[in-house]
Each structure stands twice: as C-alpha cells, then as structure tokens.
Amino acid sequence: MVNVGFIGAGNMGYAIMKGIKGSDMAEKISLFAFDPFQDAMVRAEQMGVNTVKDGSEVVSKCDYVFLAVKPQQLDEVLAEIKDEVTKDKVIVSICAGITDDYIASKTIDGAKVVMVMPNTPLLLGEGATALAKSDSVSDDEFGLVCSIFGSCGIYSVLPKDKMKEVIAINGSSPAFIYLYAQYFIDYAKSVGIDEKAATDLFAKSLIGSAKMITDSGRTLDELITMVSSKGGTTIAGLDKLRANDLNKAVRECCEACTKRAYELSK
C-alpha cells in the first residue's frame, strides 16, 4: 500500500483524490489530507480520505506529498514541512511557475520533485495535465504520479523548462475558453435566443470540435476548411476574426500568462 498525501484539499486537490478513488489504483493507495478550511476536510472525509492535523503530519505519514496550494501560500507550507522532508519522499507540486530547484532550496538538497500543471476539468474526470520531474525522481516514482493524473483525464510529459510556457495551453486555457463562450452566448441573448439553448448548443459545439481535433485525423486548417463554404456565413465570420487580429490577442494572452508564471517563480 502506498501512502499519498495532500496539503490542500480544495477544488484541485479534491479532484485528484476523487480521480484516485474512482480508479483501479484505489485499492493500492491510502489517501491522507490536510486543509486549513474545515469544509474541505469534511468533504475529504466523506470521500474516505484520512484527515490529519497539519501539513507536517501529511509528510511524515506519506510517500508522495501533493502540494495542492496556491503559489503565494507555498513558502509558508514549505517552512512548515521542511523538517519532515527526506530524500525518499516524492513532492508533487501543482503550484504554477514553481521549479524543482526552488522547492529543494526550501527543503533539502536533491529533493524529489514532480512539477504538475493540471486544470479544473479534473473535477469531471476530463483533466489535461502536463508533468515534468527532477532528475532525482525514479521512473517508477514518476510513473505512479503520471498514473494518478491519468485516472482523471489525460497527461503529457514535458521538459521541465517548458512547465511555465504550458500553463497558457492547458492550465489557464479553460478560463480563456469560458470567456470566449460567454461572448457567443451574450450575442445569442442579444438577438433573442434563449440563454440555455445557446449555452447547450455552443457547449456541445466545443465538445464536438475538440473531438474532431483529437480524433478526426485532420489538421486544424483542414477542419476550418470543412466548415467554410466559399462566400458563406463562416467565411464572413472568419474574415472579421482575422481582421480584428484574433491571432495577436491569443498570443498576447499566452505571453502575459507565461510572464506571470516567471514572476511567481522568483
């Protein structure tokens, strides 16, 4: 039995624990958690997670420790747990922008660190998670962490020097997509279309379009062409998006996201 602990049992920590509980791994893993908010602790207990009194106890009891906290809270957490961190513990950080070297500098030299960028669709078992590891993490240890995220979605392994850049692609992108969706639904309401109908239609269009990207075997250019009849409605809309430089807006959005990740890492 492998002991896996969570410091932070909010939405992301809860989603990962839920994924483990609903997978084939559940019989092989004992879950422990601490969160300063009682509601989060109660929710974890209701799922069958062992709750403990503080973060240090999580580390002392567990082989793998998930730091499911905000980057701004990390220094306080690392200061609390550093005396319990040993070279056989695997620390799994979901803190945006934080490197393995930074965590080692606050705990012990050669700390085993897995860096993770998940996203909130983990809550529905539809997560998309990017992972990288420090050299001190063994392939077996990394494999277990990858399997955990595979239990609640898909994952991709990246070089660790790309973990800040990927945040815009999967970590923050759900919010960007929701904003994009909001503007389409606002338009629908403005022309008298029922909000629920518009939301259902647009959401299903997003789901179907995503499946076409992953499963059709066609390139993005080919998929755009499939929808775009010469002189038709889609072309008219695409011309406006291009005229208003959607490409520039998206690039600047991603660059701002990445810039902030580098600021958080300092």
C-alpha atoms as a PDB file:
ATOM      1  CA  MET A   1       0.000   0.000   0.000  1.00  0.00           C
ATOM      2  CA  VAL A   2       1.319   3.433  -0.990  1.00  0.00           C
ATOM      3  CA  ASN A   3       0.502   6.426   1.209  1.00  0.00           C
ATOM      4  CA  VAL A   4      -0.348   9.536  -0.808  1.00  0.00           C
ATOM      5  CA  GLY A   5      -0.984  12.820   0.980  1.00  0.00           C
ATOM      6  CA  PHE A   6      -2.436  16.181   0.046  1.00  0.00           C
ATOM      7  CA  ILE A   7      -1.629  19.517   1.597  1.00  0.00           C
ATOM      8  CA  GLY A   8      -4.617  21.408   0.274  1.00  0.00           C
ATOM      9  CA  ALA A   9      -7.954  19.717  -0.315  1.00  0.00           C
ATOM     10  CA  GLY A  10      -9.639  22.469  -2.325  1.00  0.00           C
ATOM     11  CA  ASN A  11     -11.043  22.006  -5.808  1.00  0.00           C
ATOM     12  CA  MET A  12      -7.854  20.735  -7.420  1.00  0.00           C
ATOM     13  CA  GLY A  13      -6.740  18.544  -4.536  1.00  0.00           C
ATOM     14  CA  TYR A  14     -10.255  17.168  -4.205  1.00  0.00           C
ATOM     15  CA  ALA A  15     -10.446  16.446  -7.948  1.00  0.00           C
ATOM     16  CA  ILE A  16      -7.200  14.470  -7.905  1.00  0.00           C
ATOM     17  CA  MET A  17      -8.252  12.496  -4.830  1.00  0.00           C
ATOM     18  CA  LYS A  18     -11.619  11.806  -6.446  1.00  0.00           C
ATOM     19  CA  GLY A  19      -9.823  10.516  -9.540  1.00  0.00           C
ATOM     20  CA  ILE A  20      -7.740   8.138  -7.439  1.00  0.00           C
ATOM     21  CA  LYS A  21     -10.793   6.922  -5.515  1.00  0.00           C
ATOM     22  CA  GLY A  22     -12.650   6.154  -8.723  1.00  0.00           C
ATOM     23  CA  SER A  23      -9.790   4.299 -10.410  1.00  0.00           C
ATOM     24  CA  ASP A  24      -8.174   0.876 -10.249  1.00  0.00           C
ATOM     25  CA  MET A  25      -5.474   2.471  -8.108  1.00  0.00           C
ATOM     26  CA  ALA A  26      -7.855   2.956  -5.168  1.00  0.00           C
ATOM     27  CA  GLU A  27      -7.048  -0.458  -3.666  1.00  0.00           C
ATOM     28  CA  LYS A  28      -3.303   0.253  -3.733  1.00  0.00           C
ATOM     29  CA  ILE A  29      -3.306   3.794  -2.300  1.00  0.00           C
ATOM     30  CA  SER A  30      -4.156   5.183   1.134  1.00  0.00           C
ATOM     31  CA  LEU A  31      -5.067   8.855   0.979  1.00  0.00           C
ATOM     32  CA  PHE A  32      -4.286  11.469   3.625  1.00  0.00           C
ATOM     33  CA  ALA A  33      -5.117  15.175   3.557  1.00  0.00           C
ATOM     34  CA  PHE A  34      -4.857  18.427   5.459  1.00  0.00           C
ATOM     35  CA  ASP A  35      -6.563  21.705   4.659  1.00  0.00           C
ATOM     36  CA  PRO A  36      -6.984  24.723   6.971  1.00  0.00           C
ATOM     37  CA  PHE A  37     -10.622  25.019   5.899  1.00  0.00           C
ATOM     38  CA  GLN A  38     -12.934  22.682   7.768  1.00  0.00           C
ATOM     39  CA  ASP A  39     -15.388  22.327   4.887  1.00  0.00           C
ATOM     40  CA  ALA A  40     -12.607  20.937   2.692  1.00  0.00           C
ATOM     41  CA  MET A  41     -11.634  18.474   5.426  1.00  0.00           C
ATOM     42  CA  VAL A  42     -15.237  17.305   5.828  1.00  0.00           C
ATOM     43  CA  ARG A  43     -15.594  16.807   2.078  1.00  0.00           C
ATOM     44  CA  ALA A  44     -12.384  14.764   2.009  1.00  0.00           C
ATOM     45  CA  GLU A  45     -13.536  12.633   4.958  1.00  0.00           C
ATOM     46  CA  GLN A  46     -16.843  11.943   3.223  1.00  0.00           C
ATOM     47  CA  MET A  47     -14.855  10.524   0.318  1.00  0.00           C
ATOM     48  CA  GLY A  48     -12.972   8.181   2.634  1.00  0.00           C
ATOM     49  CA  VAL A  49      -9.755  10.189   2.917  1.00  0.00           C
ATOM     50  CA  ASN A  50      -7.814  10.139   6.192  1.00  0.00           C
ATOM     51  CA  THR A  51      -7.575  13.708   7.504  1.00  0.00           C
ATOM     52  CA  VAL A  52      -4.713  14.829   9.748  1.00  0.00           C
ATOM     53  CA  LYS A  53      -3.917  17.814  11.934  1.00  0.00           C
ATOM     54  CA  ASP A  54      -1.359  19.661   9.760  1.00  0.00           C
ATOM     55  CA  GLY A  55       0.923  19.541   6.742  1.00  0.00           C
ATOM     56  CA  SER A  56       3.848  18.103   8.686  1.00  0.00           C
ATOM     57  CA  GLU A  57       1.774  15.067   9.595  1.00  0.00           C
ATOM     58  CA  VAL A  58       0.880  14.569   5.942  1.00  0.00           C
ATOM     59  CA  VAL A  59       4.585  14.446   5.060  1.00  0.00           C
ATOM     60  CA  SER A  60       5.516  12.193   7.969  1.00  0.00           C
ATOM     61  CA  LYS A  61       2.858   9.620   7.007  1.00  0.00           C
ATOM     62  CA  CYS A  62       3.162   9.665   3.224  1.00  0.00           C
ATOM     63  CA  ASP A  63       5.485   8.506   0.463  1.00  0.00           C
ATOM     64  CA  TYR A  64       4.071  11.013  -2.035  1.00  0.00           C
ATOM     65  CA  VAL A  65       3.046  14.516  -0.961  1.00  0.00           C
ATOM     66  CA  PHE A  66       0.907  16.715  -3.217  1.00  0.00           C
ATOM     67  CA  LEU A  67       1.291  20.452  -2.652  1.00  0.00           C
ATOM     68  CA  ALA A  68      -2.177  21.465  -3.823  1.00  0.00           C
ATOM     69  CA  VAL A  69      -1.921  25.097  -2.721  1.00  0.00           C
ATOM     70  CA  LYS A  70      -1.592  28.455  -4.433  1.00  0.00           C
ATOM     71  CA  PRO A  71       1.966  29.617  -5.263  1.00  0.00           C
ATOM     72  CA  GLN A  72       1.542  32.523  -2.838  1.00  0.00           C
ATOM     73  CA  GLN A  73       0.982  30.043   0.016  1.00  0.00           C
ATOM     74  CA  LEU A  74       3.896  27.775  -0.842  1.00  0.00           C
ATOM     75  CA  ASP A  75       6.663  29.365   1.235  1.00  0.00           C
ATOM     76  CA  GLU A  76       4.602  29.054   4.386  1.00  0.00           C
ATOM     77  CA  VAL A  77       3.826  25.405   3.637  1.00  0.00           C
ATOM     78  CA  LEU A  78       7.450  24.536   2.830  1.00  0.00           C
ATOM     79  CA  ALA A  79       8.662  26.188   6.021  1.00  0.00           C
ATOM     80  CA  GLU A  80       6.193  24.064   7.981  1.00  0.00           C
ATOM     81  CA  ILE A  81       7.103  20.732   6.394  1.00  0.00           C
ATOM     82  CA  LYS A  82      10.845  21.049   5.673  1.00  0.00           C
ATOM     83  CA  ASP A  83      11.923  19.083   8.777  1.00  0.00           C
ATOM     84  CA  GLU A  84       9.797  16.117   7.638  1.00  0.00           C
ATOM     85  CA  VAL A  85      11.034  16.077   4.045  1.00  0.00           C
ATOM     86  CA  THR A  86      13.563  13.324   3.352  1.00  0.00           C
ATOM     87  CA  LYS A  87      15.201  12.048   0.181  1.00  0.00           C
ATOM     88  CA  ASP A  88      12.754   9.160  -0.084  1.00  0.00           C
ATOM     89  CA  LYS A  89       9.686  11.447  -0.198  1.00  0.00           C
ATOM     90  CA  VAL A  90       8.288  12.491  -3.579  1.00  0.00           C
ATOM     91  CA  ILE A  91       6.901  16.025  -3.578  1.00  0.00           C
ATOM     92  CA  VAL A  92       4.288  16.715  -6.250  1.00  0.00           C
ATOM     93  CA  SER A  93       3.732  20.432  -6.817  1.00  0.00           C
ATOM     94  CA  ILE A  94       0.791  21.897  -8.727  1.00  0.00           C
ATOM     95  CA  CYS A  95       1.983  25.456  -7.989  1.00  0.00           C
ATOM     96  CA  ALA A  96       2.213  27.489 -11.182  1.00  0.00           C
ATOM     97  CA  GLY A  97       5.704  28.673 -12.031  1.00  0.00           C
ATOM     98  CA  ILE A  98       7.469  26.949  -9.132  1.00  0.00           C
ATOM     99  CA  THR A  99      10.575  24.924 -10.051  1.00  0.00           C
ATOM    100  CA  ASP A 100      12.058  21.803  -8.516  1.00  0.00           C
ATOM    101  CA  ASP A 101      15.177  23.761  -7.589  1.00  0.00           C
ATOM    102  CA  TYR A 102      13.101  26.267  -5.650  1.00  0.00           C
ATOM    103  CA  ILE A 103      11.369  23.547  -3.637  1.00  0.00           C
ATOM    104  CA  ALA A 104      14.723  21.852  -2.950  1.00  0.00           C
ATOM    105  CA  SER A 105      16.189  25.169  -1.770  1.00  0.00           C
ATOM    106  CA  LYS A 106      13.393  25.454   0.802  1.00  0.00           C
ATOM    107  CA  THR A 107      13.525  21.819   1.947  1.00  0.00           C
ATOM    108  CA  ILE A 108      16.537  19.557   1.246  1.00  0.00           C
ATOM    109  CA  ASP A 109      19.203  19.257  -1.443  1.00  0.00           C
ATOM    110  CA  GLY A 110      18.263  16.670  -4.013  1.00  0.00           C
ATOM    111  CA  ALA A 111      14.580  16.695  -3.085  1.00  0.00           C
ATOM    112  CA  LYS A 112      12.471  14.502  -5.324  1.00  0.00           C
ATOM    113  CA  VAL A 113      10.052  16.870  -7.056  1.00  0.00           C
ATOM    114  CA  VAL A 114       7.409  16.324  -9.724  1.00  0.00           C
ATOM    115  CA  MET A 115       6.049  19.524 -11.254  1.00  0.00           C
ATOM    116  CA  VAL A 116       2.465  19.372 -12.443  1.00  0.00           C
ATOM    117  CA  MET A 117       0.193  21.733 -14.344  1.00  0.00           C
ATOM    118  CA  PRO A 118      -3.351  20.328 -14.140  1.00  0.00           C
ATOM    119  CA  ASN A 119      -6.639  22.017 -14.962  1.00  0.00           C
ATOM    120  CA  THR A 120     -10.086  22.218 -13.390  1.00  0.00           C
ATOM    121  CA  PRO A 121     -11.813  19.700 -15.744  1.00  0.00           C
ATOM    122  CA  LEU A 122     -10.128  17.144 -13.466  1.00  0.00           C
ATOM    123  CA  LEU A 123     -13.280  17.630 -11.385  1.00  0.00           C
ATOM    124  CA  LEU A 124     -15.225  15.788 -14.104  1.00  0.00           C
ATOM    125  CA  GLY A 125     -12.517  13.236 -14.897  1.00  0.00           C
ATOM    126  CA  GLU A 126     -11.665  15.199 -18.057  1.00  0.00           C
ATOM    127  CA  GLY A 127      -8.415  16.789 -16.973  1.00  0.00           C
ATOM    128  CA  ALA A 128      -5.450  17.634 -19.193  1.00  0.00           C
ATOM    129  CA  THR A 129      -2.250  17.603 -17.141  1.00  0.00           C
ATOM    130  CA  ALA A 130       1.352  18.430 -18.030  1.00  0.00           C
ATOM    131  CA  LEU A 131       4.119  16.869 -15.911  1.00  0.00           C
ATOM    132  CA  ALA A 132       7.894  17.079 -15.531  1.00  0.00           C
ATOM    133  CA  LYS A 133      10.291  15.688 -12.932  1.00  0.00           C
ATOM    134  CA  SER A 134      13.575  16.420 -11.246  1.00  0.00           C
ATOM    135  CA  ASP A 135      16.458  14.087 -12.033  1.00  0.00           C
ATOM    136  CA  SER A 136      16.252  12.551  -8.555  1.00  0.00           C
ATOM    137  CA  VAL A 137      12.769  11.099  -9.196  1.00  0.00           C
ATOM    138  CA  SER A 138      12.924   7.499 -10.432  1.00  0.00           C
ATOM    139  CA  ASP A 139      10.980   6.309 -13.469  1.00  0.00           C
ATOM    140  CA  ASP A 140       8.789   4.135 -11.225  1.00  0.00           C
ATOM    141  CA  GLU A 141       8.003   7.036  -8.916  1.00  0.00           C
ATOM    142  CA  PHE A 142       7.205   9.297 -11.840  1.00  0.00           C
ATOM    143  CA  GLY A 143       5.099   6.567 -13.401  1.00  0.00           C
ATOM    144  CA  LEU A 144       2.895   6.376 -10.328  1.00  0.00           C
ATOM    145  CA  VAL A 145       2.289  10.140 -10.382  1.00  0.00           C
ATOM    146  CA  CYS A 146       1.504  10.010 -14.109  1.00  0.00           C
ATOM    147  CA  SER A 147      -0.958   7.176 -13.459  1.00  0.00           C
ATOM    148  CA  ILE A 148      -2.733   9.262 -10.823  1.00  0.00           C
ATOM    149  CA  PHE A 149      -3.366  12.044 -13.325  1.00  0.00           C
ATOM    150  CA  GLY A 150      -4.256   9.506 -15.988  1.00  0.00           C
ATOM    151  CA  SER A 151      -7.010   8.327 -13.644  1.00  0.00           C
ATOM    152  CA  CYS A 152      -8.811  11.660 -14.026  1.00  0.00           C
ATOM    153  CA  GLY A 153      -8.061  12.629 -17.625  1.00  0.00           C
ATOM    154  CA  ILE A 154      -5.045  12.605 -19.909  1.00  0.00           C
ATOM    155  CA  TYR A 155      -1.463  13.691 -19.261  1.00  0.00           C
ATOM    156  CA  SER A 156       1.616  14.685 -21.244  1.00  0.00           C
ATOM    157  CA  VAL A 157       5.236  14.625 -20.098  1.00  0.00           C
ATOM    158  CA  LEU A 158       7.238  17.769 -20.926  1.00  0.00           C
ATOM    159  CA  PRO A 159      10.797  19.011 -20.378  1.00  0.00           C
ATOM    160  CA  LYS A 160      10.832  20.836 -17.062  1.00  0.00           C
ATOM    161  CA  ASP A 161      11.953  24.091 -18.715  1.00  0.00           C
ATOM    162  CA  LYS A 162       8.582  24.242 -20.543  1.00  0.00           C
ATOM    163  CA  MET A 163       6.354  23.997 -17.473  1.00  0.00           C
ATOM    164  CA  LYS A 164       5.779  27.755 -17.330  1.00  0.00           C
ATOM    165  CA  GLU A 165       5.008  28.082 -21.033  1.00  0.00           C
ATOM    166  CA  VAL A 166       2.455  25.253 -20.962  1.00  0.00           C
ATOM    167  CA  ILE A 167       0.285  26.990 -18.353  1.00  0.00           C
ATOM    168  CA  ALA A 168      -1.466  29.038 -21.045  1.00  0.00           C
ATOM    169  CA  ILE A 169      -2.104  25.901 -23.090  1.00  0.00           C
ATOM    170  CA  ASN A 170      -3.837  23.721 -20.509  1.00  0.00           C
ATOM    171  CA  GLY A 171      -3.767  25.255 -17.031  1.00  0.00           C
ATOM    172  CA  SER A 172      -5.287  28.676 -17.693  1.00  0.00           C
ATOM    173  CA  SER A 173      -6.927  27.944 -21.043  1.00  0.00           C
ATOM    174  CA  PRO A 174     -10.257  26.744 -19.584  1.00  0.00           C
ATOM    175  CA  ALA A 175     -10.847  30.300 -18.323  1.00  0.00           C
ATOM    176  CA  PHE A 176      -9.978  31.717 -21.739  1.00  0.00           C
ATOM    177  CA  ILE A 177     -12.393  29.274 -23.370  1.00  0.00           C
ATOM    178  CA  TYR A 178     -15.154  30.175 -20.893  1.00  0.00           C
ATOM    179  CA  LEU A 179     -14.703  33.871 -21.705  1.00  0.00           C
ATOM    180  CA  TYR A 180     -14.861  33.107 -25.430  1.00  0.00           C
ATOM    181  CA  ALA A 181     -18.036  31.100 -24.838  1.00  0.00           C
ATOM    182  CA  GLN A 182     -19.546  33.931 -22.795  1.00  0.00           C
ATOM    183  CA  TYR A 183     -19.209  36.354 -25.695  1.00  0.00           C
ATOM    184  CA  PHE A 184     -21.010  33.989 -28.083  1.00  0.00           C
ATOM    185  CA  ILE A 185     -23.796  33.397 -25.573  1.00  0.00           C
ATOM    186  CA  ASP A 186     -24.088  37.147 -24.933  1.00  0.00           C
ATOM    187  CA  TYR A 187     -24.537  37.638 -28.673  1.00  0.00           C
ATOM    188  CA  ALA A 188     -27.220  34.933 -28.773  1.00  0.00           C
ATOM    189  CA  LYS A 189     -29.167  36.632 -25.975  1.00  0.00           C
ATOM    190  CA  SER A 190     -28.853  40.000 -27.712  1.00  0.00           C
ATOM    191  CA  VAL A 191     -30.651  38.620 -30.782  1.00  0.00           C
ATOM    192  CA  GLY A 192     -33.393  36.927 -28.777  1.00  0.00           C
ATOM    193  CA  ILE A 193     -32.101  33.345 -28.484  1.00  0.00           C
ATOM    194  CA  ASP A 194     -32.835  31.600 -25.192  1.00  0.00           C
ATOM    195  CA  GLU A 195     -29.725  31.578 -22.961  1.00  0.00           C
ATOM    196  CA  LYS A 196     -29.982  27.899 -22.032  1.00  0.00           C
ATOM    197  CA  ALA A 197     -30.458  26.862 -25.639  1.00  0.00           C
ATOM    198  CA  ALA A 198     -27.466  28.970 -26.693  1.00  0.00           C
ATOM    199  CA  THR A 199     -25.336  27.599 -23.856  1.00  0.00           C
ATOM    200  CA  ASP A 200     -26.213  23.986 -24.671  1.00  0.00           C
ATOM    201  CA  LEU A 201     -25.634  24.440 -28.388  1.00  0.00           C
ATOM    202  CA  PHE A 202     -22.335  26.261 -28.011  1.00  0.00           C
ATOM    203  CA  ALA A 203     -21.007  23.928 -25.302  1.00  0.00           C
ATOM    204  CA  LYS A 204     -21.801  20.863 -27.388  1.00  0.00           C
ATOM    205  CA  SER A 205     -20.152  22.551 -30.364  1.00  0.00           C
ATOM    206  CA  LEU A 206     -16.992  22.978 -28.251  1.00  0.00           C
ATOM    207  CA  ILE A 207     -17.076  19.315 -27.219  1.00  0.00           C
ATOM    208  CA  GLY A 208     -17.654  18.111 -30.766  1.00  0.00           C
ATOM    209  CA  SER A 209     -14.988  20.409 -32.195  1.00  0.00           C
ATOM    210  CA  ALA A 210     -12.478  19.174 -29.611  1.00  0.00           C
ATOM    211  CA  LYS A 211     -13.251  15.576 -30.612  1.00  0.00           C
ATOM    212  CA  MET A 212     -12.715  16.487 -34.249  1.00  0.00           C
ATOM    213  CA  ILE A 213      -9.278  17.905 -33.345  1.00  0.00           C
ATOM    214  CA  THR A 214      -8.238  14.782 -31.432  1.00  0.00           C
ATOM    215  CA  ASP A 215      -9.989  12.014 -33.361  1.00  0.00           C
ATOM    216  CA  SER A 216     -10.624  13.030 -36.987  1.00  0.00           C
ATOM    217  CA  GLY A 217      -7.034  12.742 -38.183  1.00  0.00           C
ATOM    218  CA  ARG A 218      -7.357  16.089 -39.958  1.00  0.00           C
ATOM    219  CA  THR A 219      -5.207  19.182 -39.477  1.00  0.00           C
ATOM    220  CA  LEU A 220      -6.674  22.353 -37.993  1.00  0.00           C
ATOM    221  CA  ASP A 221      -6.545  24.033 -41.411  1.00  0.00           C
ATOM    222  CA  GLU A 222      -8.450  21.114 -42.921  1.00  0.00           C
ATOM    223  CA  LEU A 223     -11.079  21.272 -40.179  1.00  0.00           C
ATOM    224  CA  ILE A 224     -11.573  25.002 -40.743  1.00  0.00           C
ATOM    225  CA  THR A 225     -11.991  24.404 -44.483  1.00  0.00           C
ATOM    226  CA  MET A 226     -14.619  21.701 -43.818  1.00  0.00           C
ATOM    227  CA  VAL A 227     -16.862  24.298 -42.161  1.00  0.00           C
ATOM    228  CA  SER A 228     -16.114  27.137 -44.570  1.00  0.00           C
ATOM    229  CA  SER A 229     -18.151  27.283 -47.770  1.00  0.00           C
ATOM    230  CA  LYS A 230     -16.852  29.804 -50.300  1.00  0.00           C
ATOM    231  CA  GLY A 231     -18.757  33.057 -49.905  1.00  0.00           C
ATOM    232  CA  GLY A 232     -20.745  31.650 -46.993  1.00  0.00           C
ATOM    233  CA  THR A 233     -21.522  32.650 -43.419  1.00  0.00           C
ATOM    234  CA  THR A 234     -18.477  31.025 -41.806  1.00  0.00           C
ATOM    235  CA  ILE A 235     -16.057  32.800 -44.134  1.00  0.00           C
ATOM    236  CA  ALA A 236     -17.708  36.122 -43.295  1.00  0.00           C
ATOM    237  CA  GLY A 237     -17.188  35.465 -39.578  1.00  0.00           C
ATOM    238  CA  LEU A 238     -13.610  34.215 -40.000  1.00  0.00           C
ATOM    239  CA  ASP A 239     -12.743  37.322 -42.016  1.00  0.00           C
ATOM    240  CA  LYS A 240     -13.841  39.503 -39.086  1.00  0.00           C
ATOM    241  CA  LEU A 241     -11.842  37.450 -36.535  1.00  0.00           C
ATOM    242  CA  ARG A 242      -8.750  37.792 -38.714  1.00  0.00           C
ATOM    243  CA  ALA A 243      -9.341  41.481 -39.401  1.00  0.00           C
ATOM    244  CA  ASN A 244      -9.537  42.093 -35.655  1.00  0.00           C
ATOM    245  CA  ASP A 245      -6.294  40.099 -35.210  1.00  0.00           C
ATOM    246  CA  LEU A 246      -7.528  37.242 -33.052  1.00  0.00           C
ATOM    247  CA  ASN A 247      -4.096  35.656 -33.503  1.00  0.00           C
ATOM    248  CA  LYS A 248      -2.413  38.654 -31.866  1.00  0.00           C
ATOM    249  CA  ALA A 249      -4.906  38.691 -28.995  1.00  0.00           C
ATOM    250  CA  VAL A 250      -4.321  34.993 -28.279  1.00  0.00           C
ATOM    251  CA  ARG A 251      -0.533  35.324 -28.495  1.00  0.00           C
ATOM    252  CA  GLU A 252      -0.516  38.301 -26.125  1.00  0.00           C
ATOM    253  CA  CYS A 253      -2.823  36.422 -23.754  1.00  0.00           C
ATOM    254  CA  CYS A 254      -0.423  33.443 -23.666  1.00  0.00           C
ATOM    255  CA  GLU A 255       2.633  35.670 -23.304  1.00  0.00           C
ATOM    256  CA  ALA A 256       1.073  37.514 -20.358  1.00  0.00           C
ATOM    257  CA  CYS A 257       0.228  34.202 -18.712  1.00  0.00           C
ATOM    258  CA  THR A 258       3.795  32.934 -19.159  1.00  0.00           C
ATOM    259  CA  LYS A 259       5.315  36.219 -17.963  1.00  0.00           C
ATOM    260  CA  ARG A 260       3.310  35.982 -14.748  1.00  0.00           C
ATOM    261  CA  ALA A 261       4.478  32.386 -14.238  1.00  0.00           C
ATOM    262  CA  TYR A 262       8.092  33.545 -14.386  1.00  0.00           C
ATOM    263  CA  GLU A 263       7.312  36.315 -11.886  1.00  0.00           C
ATOM    264  CA  LEU A 264       5.790  33.799  -9.482  1.00  0.00           C
ATOM    265  CA  SER A 265       8.897  31.605  -9.727  1.00  0.00           C
ATOM    266  CA  LYS A 266      11.217  34.301  -8.342  1.00  0.00           C
END
